[in-house]
Amino acid sequence: MPMEFTHQGAEWTPETKDLSGITWKATEEEKQAVDNHFNKAEDWSKKYNRPINVGEFGAYYKAGAYDRIRWTGYVANSAIRRGFSFHYWEFCSGFGVYDPQRNEWKSNLLNAIVPQKK
C-alpha cells in the first residue's frame, strides 16, 4: 500500500515524517496497485480456503482530506467486493474516524469505511 501517502508527516516514521503534499487520486495505476495486493491475497484465500482480514488500514490526517476519503473508500470497497473483513486504523487520533473534540463522526470518512446501502 502507498506508505508515502498514508503516513506522510507521521512523526514516528523516519522515512515519511518529512513528506507532505502526496495525493491519491484513484488513477487507474493507483487502483491497480491496491488491486494487485488484494488479488494475491484473494488467490491465496481461495487456494487454501482461508478467510482474509485486512488487519488495519488508514491514512494519517496530514494527507489531504479528499484523498484520504477517496483512498479509504477504495480500499474498503475493494475488501468488501472480495469478501474480506477489515479494521480501519483507528478511532479518534491521527487516523481517526471520530472527532472527540466535537463529539461527532467524521461523516465523509465514516461513509467511505461503511458504505451506505442504496
N, C-alpha and C. Protein backbone atom coordinates (compact mmCIF):
# COMPACT_ATOMS: atom_id res chain seq x y z
N MET A 1 0.84 -1.17 0.00
CA MET A 1 0.00 0.00 0.00
C MET A 1 0.89 1.24 0.00
N PRO A 2 0.34 2.35 -0.33
CA PRO A 2 1.18 3.55 -0.55
C PRO A 2 1.59 4.24 0.75
N MET A 3 2.60 3.72 1.38
CA MET A 3 3.07 4.24 2.67
C MET A 3 3.41 5.73 2.60
N GLU A 4 3.99 6.18 1.50
CA GLU A 4 4.34 7.59 1.38
C GLU A 4 3.09 8.46 1.46
N PHE A 5 1.98 7.99 0.93
CA PHE A 5 0.72 8.73 1.03
C PHE A 5 0.11 8.58 2.41
N THR A 6 -0.07 7.36 2.86
CA THR A 6 -0.83 7.12 4.09
C THR A 6 -0.13 7.62 5.35
N HIS A 7 1.20 7.69 5.33
CA HIS A 7 1.94 8.07 6.53
C HIS A 7 2.71 9.38 6.37
N GLN A 8 2.38 10.15 5.36
CA GLN A 8 3.09 11.42 5.18
C GLN A 8 2.93 12.29 6.43
N GLY A 9 4.03 12.82 6.89
CA GLY A 9 4.02 13.68 8.07
C GLY A 9 3.94 12.95 9.40
N ALA A 10 3.90 11.62 9.37
CA ALA A 10 3.82 10.84 10.61
C ALA A 10 5.14 10.94 11.35
N GLU A 11 5.12 11.61 12.48
CA GLU A 11 6.33 11.95 13.22
C GLU A 11 7.13 10.73 13.67
N TRP A 12 6.51 9.59 13.85
CA TRP A 12 7.18 8.38 14.35
C TRP A 12 7.79 7.53 13.25
N THR A 13 7.62 7.92 11.99
CA THR A 13 8.11 7.13 10.87
C THR A 13 9.20 7.91 10.12
N PRO A 14 10.47 7.57 10.37
CA PRO A 14 11.57 8.36 9.79
C PRO A 14 11.48 8.54 8.28
N GLU A 15 11.06 7.51 7.55
CA GLU A 15 11.07 7.61 6.10
C GLU A 15 9.91 8.44 5.53
N THR A 16 8.91 8.77 6.35
CA THR A 16 7.78 9.56 5.83
C THR A 16 7.51 10.83 6.63
N LYS A 17 8.22 11.05 7.73
CA LYS A 17 7.89 12.17 8.62
C LYS A 17 8.04 13.53 7.95
N ASP A 18 8.92 13.65 6.97
CA ASP A 18 9.14 14.94 6.30
C ASP A 18 8.38 15.07 4.98
N LEU A 19 7.56 14.09 4.67
CA LEU A 19 6.81 14.14 3.42
C LEU A 19 5.51 14.92 3.60
N SER A 20 5.08 15.58 2.53
CA SER A 20 3.78 16.25 2.53
C SER A 20 3.34 16.48 1.09
N GLY A 21 2.06 16.74 0.93
CA GLY A 21 1.54 17.05 -0.39
C GLY A 21 1.38 15.87 -1.32
N ILE A 22 1.50 14.65 -0.80
CA ILE A 22 1.36 13.46 -1.63
C ILE A 22 -0.13 13.15 -1.75
N THR A 23 -0.58 12.94 -2.97
CA THR A 23 -2.01 12.75 -3.23
C THR A 23 -2.33 11.30 -3.57
N TRP A 24 -3.61 10.99 -3.52
CA TRP A 24 -4.12 9.71 -4.01
C TRP A 24 -5.41 10.03 -4.75
N LYS A 25 -5.33 10.04 -6.08
CA LYS A 25 -6.43 10.50 -6.93
C LYS A 25 -7.26 9.37 -7.52
N ALA A 26 -6.98 8.14 -7.13
CA ALA A 26 -7.70 6.98 -7.66
C ALA A 26 -7.51 6.84 -9.16
N THR A 27 -6.28 7.08 -9.60
CA THR A 27 -5.97 6.85 -11.01
C THR A 27 -6.00 5.34 -11.25
N GLU A 28 -6.06 4.94 -12.49
CA GLU A 28 -6.05 3.51 -12.80
C GLU A 28 -4.80 2.84 -12.25
N GLU A 29 -3.67 3.51 -12.33
CA GLU A 29 -2.42 2.95 -11.81
C GLU A 29 -2.48 2.79 -10.29
N GLU A 30 -3.01 3.80 -9.59
CA GLU A 30 -3.11 3.72 -8.13
C GLU A 30 -4.08 2.62 -7.71
N LYS A 31 -5.21 2.53 -8.37
CA LYS A 31 -6.19 1.48 -8.05
C LYS A 31 -5.61 0.10 -8.36
N GLN A 32 -4.88 -0.01 -9.45
CA GLN A 32 -4.29 -1.29 -9.82
C GLN A 32 -3.29 -1.76 -8.78
N ALA A 33 -2.55 -0.83 -8.18
CA ALA A 33 -1.58 -1.21 -7.13
C ALA A 33 -2.31 -1.84 -5.94
N VAL A 34 -3.44 -1.26 -5.53
CA VAL A 34 -4.24 -1.85 -4.45
C VAL A 34 -4.78 -3.20 -4.89
N ASP A 35 -5.35 -3.24 -6.08
CA ASP A 35 -5.94 -4.48 -6.59
C ASP A 35 -4.91 -5.60 -6.70
N ASN A 36 -3.69 -5.28 -7.10
CA ASN A 36 -2.66 -6.31 -7.22
C ASN A 36 -2.41 -6.98 -5.87
N HIS A 37 -2.32 -6.21 -4.82
CA HIS A 37 -2.12 -6.77 -3.48
C HIS A 37 -3.33 -7.62 -3.07
N PHE A 38 -4.51 -7.07 -3.25
CA PHE A 38 -5.71 -7.79 -2.84
C PHE A 38 -5.96 -9.03 -3.70
N ASN A 39 -5.62 -8.97 -4.97
CA ASN A 39 -5.80 -10.14 -5.84
C ASN A 39 -4.91 -11.30 -5.37
N LYS A 40 -3.68 -10.99 -4.97
CA LYS A 40 -2.79 -12.04 -4.46
C LYS A 40 -3.37 -12.67 -3.20
N ALA A 41 -3.88 -11.82 -2.31
CA ALA A 41 -4.49 -12.34 -1.08
C ALA A 41 -5.73 -13.16 -1.39
N GLU A 42 -6.54 -12.69 -2.33
CA GLU A 42 -7.75 -13.41 -2.70
C GLU A 42 -7.42 -14.77 -3.32
N ASP A 43 -6.42 -14.81 -4.18
CA ASP A 43 -6.00 -16.09 -4.78
C ASP A 43 -5.55 -17.07 -3.71
N TRP A 44 -4.74 -16.59 -2.75
CA TRP A 44 -4.29 -17.44 -1.66
C TRP A 44 -5.48 -17.93 -0.85
N SER A 45 -6.41 -17.04 -0.56
CA SER A 45 -7.59 -17.37 0.22
C SER A 45 -8.40 -18.49 -0.43
N LYS A 46 -8.59 -18.38 -1.72
CA LYS A 46 -9.35 -19.40 -2.45
C LYS A 46 -8.58 -20.72 -2.50
N LYS A 47 -7.28 -20.64 -2.75
CA LYS A 47 -6.47 -21.85 -2.85
C LYS A 47 -6.48 -22.65 -1.56
N TYR A 48 -6.38 -21.94 -0.43
CA TYR A 48 -6.28 -22.62 0.87
C TYR A 48 -7.57 -22.58 1.69
N ASN A 49 -8.62 -22.06 1.08
CA ASN A 49 -9.92 -21.98 1.74
C ASN A 49 -9.82 -21.31 3.12
N ARG A 50 -9.20 -20.14 3.12
CA ARG A 50 -9.00 -19.37 4.34
C ARG A 50 -9.54 -17.96 4.15
N PRO A 51 -10.15 -17.41 5.19
CA PRO A 51 -10.64 -16.03 5.08
C PRO A 51 -9.49 -15.03 5.17
N ILE A 52 -9.73 -13.86 4.65
CA ILE A 52 -8.75 -12.77 4.71
C ILE A 52 -9.31 -11.65 5.57
N ASN A 53 -8.47 -11.14 6.46
CA ASN A 53 -8.79 -9.95 7.23
C ASN A 53 -7.71 -8.93 6.96
N VAL A 54 -8.13 -7.77 6.47
CA VAL A 54 -7.20 -6.66 6.30
C VAL A 54 -7.07 -6.05 7.68
N GLY A 55 -5.98 -6.39 8.37
CA GLY A 55 -5.82 -6.12 9.78
C GLY A 55 -5.94 -4.67 10.18
N GLU A 56 -5.46 -3.76 9.39
CA GLU A 56 -5.64 -2.35 9.66
C GLU A 56 -5.23 -1.56 8.43
N PHE A 57 -5.93 -0.48 8.20
CA PHE A 57 -5.54 0.46 7.15
C PHE A 57 -6.10 1.82 7.50
N GLY A 58 -5.52 2.83 6.96
CA GLY A 58 -5.96 4.19 7.20
C GLY A 58 -4.95 5.15 6.60
N ALA A 59 -5.25 6.43 6.67
CA ALA A 59 -4.34 7.47 6.19
C ALA A 59 -4.28 8.56 7.26
N TYR A 60 -3.08 8.97 7.58
CA TYR A 60 -2.84 9.98 8.61
C TYR A 60 -3.48 11.31 8.21
N TYR A 61 -3.89 12.06 9.21
CA TYR A 61 -4.64 13.29 8.97
C TYR A 61 -3.88 14.33 8.17
N LYS A 62 -2.57 14.22 8.05
CA LYS A 62 -1.79 15.21 7.30
C LYS A 62 -1.92 15.03 5.79
N ALA A 63 -2.49 13.93 5.35
CA ALA A 63 -2.82 13.77 3.93
C ALA A 63 -4.07 14.61 3.66
N GLY A 64 -4.27 15.01 2.44
CA GLY A 64 -5.45 15.79 2.10
C GLY A 64 -6.73 15.03 2.40
N ALA A 65 -7.72 15.75 2.92
CA ALA A 65 -8.97 15.11 3.35
C ALA A 65 -9.66 14.34 2.21
N TYR A 66 -9.78 14.94 1.05
CA TYR A 66 -10.47 14.26 -0.05
C TYR A 66 -9.69 13.03 -0.53
N ASP A 67 -8.37 13.15 -0.53
CA ASP A 67 -7.56 11.99 -0.92
C ASP A 67 -7.68 10.88 0.12
N ARG A 68 -7.72 11.23 1.40
CA ARG A 68 -7.90 10.21 2.47
C ARG A 68 -9.24 9.49 2.28
N ILE A 69 -10.27 10.24 2.02
CA ILE A 69 -11.61 9.66 1.83
C ILE A 69 -11.61 8.77 0.60
N ARG A 70 -11.05 9.26 -0.48
CA ARG A 70 -11.01 8.50 -1.75
C ARG A 70 -10.24 7.20 -1.56
N TRP A 71 -9.07 7.26 -0.92
CA TRP A 71 -8.24 6.07 -0.71
C TRP A 71 -8.93 5.09 0.23
N THR A 72 -9.45 5.61 1.33
CA THR A 72 -10.12 4.76 2.31
C THR A 72 -11.31 4.05 1.69
N GLY A 73 -12.11 4.79 0.93
CA GLY A 73 -13.26 4.18 0.26
C GLY A 73 -12.86 3.11 -0.73
N TYR A 74 -11.79 3.37 -1.48
CA TYR A 74 -11.37 2.37 -2.46
C TYR A 74 -10.88 1.10 -1.77
N VAL A 75 -10.08 1.24 -0.73
CA VAL A 75 -9.57 0.07 -0.02
C VAL A 75 -10.73 -0.69 0.63
N ALA A 76 -11.63 0.02 1.32
CA ALA A 76 -12.76 -0.65 1.98
C ALA A 76 -13.64 -1.37 0.97
N ASN A 77 -13.98 -0.70 -0.12
CA ASN A 77 -14.84 -1.33 -1.13
C ASN A 77 -14.15 -2.49 -1.82
N SER A 78 -12.85 -2.38 -2.02
CA SER A 78 -12.10 -3.49 -2.63
C SER A 78 -12.12 -4.71 -1.72
N ALA A 79 -12.00 -4.48 -0.42
CA ALA A 79 -12.07 -5.58 0.54
C ALA A 79 -13.48 -6.18 0.56
N ILE A 80 -14.48 -5.34 0.61
CA ILE A 80 -15.87 -5.81 0.65
C ILE A 80 -16.21 -6.63 -0.59
N ARG A 81 -15.81 -6.16 -1.75
CA ARG A 81 -16.09 -6.90 -3.01
C ARG A 81 -15.50 -8.31 -2.98
N ARG A 82 -14.39 -8.48 -2.30
CA ARG A 82 -13.71 -9.77 -2.24
C ARG A 82 -14.14 -10.61 -1.04
N GLY A 83 -15.00 -10.07 -0.21
CA GLY A 83 -15.45 -10.80 0.97
C GLY A 83 -14.45 -10.77 2.11
N PHE A 84 -13.50 -9.83 2.09
CA PHE A 84 -12.52 -9.70 3.16
C PHE A 84 -13.16 -8.90 4.30
N SER A 85 -12.83 -9.27 5.52
CA SER A 85 -13.16 -8.41 6.65
C SER A 85 -12.00 -7.42 6.80
N PHE A 86 -12.25 -6.35 7.55
CA PHE A 86 -11.17 -5.37 7.72
C PHE A 86 -11.37 -4.56 8.99
N HIS A 87 -10.29 -3.89 9.38
CA HIS A 87 -10.29 -2.98 10.53
C HIS A 87 -9.68 -1.65 10.07
N TYR A 88 -10.40 -0.58 10.28
CA TYR A 88 -9.86 0.74 10.00
C TYR A 88 -8.99 1.17 11.19
N TRP A 89 -7.84 1.77 10.92
CA TRP A 89 -6.97 2.27 11.96
C TRP A 89 -7.12 3.78 11.99
N GLU A 90 -7.67 4.32 12.89
CA GLU A 90 -8.14 3.99 14.19
C GLU A 90 -9.30 4.88 14.55
N PHE A 91 -9.71 4.92 15.80
CA PHE A 91 -10.96 5.57 16.18
C PHE A 91 -10.87 7.10 16.23
N CYS A 92 -10.02 7.67 17.10
CA CYS A 92 -10.12 9.13 17.29
C CYS A 92 -8.78 9.81 17.54
N SER A 93 -7.77 9.43 16.79
CA SER A 93 -6.49 10.12 16.91
C SER A 93 -6.06 10.56 15.51
N GLY A 94 -4.81 10.40 15.16
CA GLY A 94 -4.28 10.92 13.90
C GLY A 94 -4.88 10.34 12.64
N PHE A 95 -5.38 9.13 12.69
CA PHE A 95 -6.02 8.49 11.53
C PHE A 95 -7.54 8.48 11.71
N GLY A 96 -8.01 8.93 12.82
CA GLY A 96 -9.35 8.71 13.34
C GLY A 96 -10.52 9.07 12.46
N VAL A 97 -11.58 8.31 12.70
CA VAL A 97 -12.85 8.50 12.01
C VAL A 97 -13.85 9.25 12.91
N TYR A 98 -13.43 9.54 14.13
CA TYR A 98 -14.28 10.24 15.10
C TYR A 98 -13.53 11.44 15.66
N ASP A 99 -14.22 12.56 15.80
CA ASP A 99 -13.62 13.78 16.34
C ASP A 99 -14.05 13.93 17.80
N PRO A 100 -13.16 13.64 18.75
CA PRO A 100 -13.55 13.69 20.16
C PRO A 100 -13.80 15.12 20.67
N GLN A 101 -13.18 16.13 20.06
CA GLN A 101 -13.41 17.50 20.49
C GLN A 101 -14.84 17.95 20.12
N ARG A 102 -15.29 17.55 18.96
CA ARG A 102 -16.64 17.91 18.51
C ARG A 102 -17.69 16.88 18.91
N ASN A 103 -17.19 15.74 19.40
CA ASN A 103 -18.08 14.65 19.79
C ASN A 103 -18.97 14.21 18.63
N GLU A 104 -18.30 13.99 17.46
CA GLU A 104 -19.06 13.59 16.28
C GLU A 104 -18.19 12.79 15.32
N TRP A 105 -18.85 12.01 14.51
CA TRP A 105 -18.18 11.23 13.47
C TRP A 105 -17.69 12.16 12.37
N LYS A 106 -16.59 11.79 11.76
CA LYS A 106 -16.14 12.44 10.53
C LYS A 106 -16.91 11.73 9.42
N SER A 107 -18.08 12.25 9.11
CA SER A 107 -19.07 11.51 8.32
C SER A 107 -18.56 11.10 6.94
N ASN A 108 -17.79 11.94 6.26
CA ASN A 108 -17.29 11.56 4.94
C ASN A 108 -16.33 10.38 5.02
N LEU A 109 -15.51 10.37 6.04
CA LEU A 109 -14.59 9.25 6.22
C LEU A 109 -15.35 8.01 6.68
N LEU A 110 -16.29 8.18 7.59
CA LEU A 110 -17.11 7.05 8.04
C LEU A 110 -17.85 6.42 6.87
N ASN A 111 -18.44 7.24 6.00
CA ASN A 111 -19.16 6.71 4.85
C ASN A 111 -18.25 6.00 3.86
N ALA A 112 -16.98 6.39 3.83
CA ALA A 112 -16.02 5.68 2.98
C ALA A 112 -15.71 4.29 3.53
N ILE A 113 -15.70 4.19 4.85
CA ILE A 113 -15.39 2.92 5.50
C ILE A 113 -16.61 2.00 5.53
N VAL A 114 -17.76 2.57 5.80
CA VAL A 114 -19.01 1.83 5.90
C VAL A 114 -19.95 2.36 4.84
N PRO A 115 -19.86 1.82 3.62
CA PRO A 115 -20.71 2.34 2.55
C PRO A 115 -22.19 2.23 2.90
N GLN A 116 -22.91 3.28 2.55
CA GLN A 116 -24.34 3.32 2.83
C GLN A 116 -25.08 2.45 1.82
N LYS A 117 -26.12 1.75 2.31
CA LYS A 117 -26.94 0.95 1.42
C LYS A 117 -27.74 1.89 0.52
N LYS A 118 -27.92 1.46 -0.70
CA LYS A 118 -28.68 2.28 -1.67
C LYS A 118 -30.04 1.72 -1.89
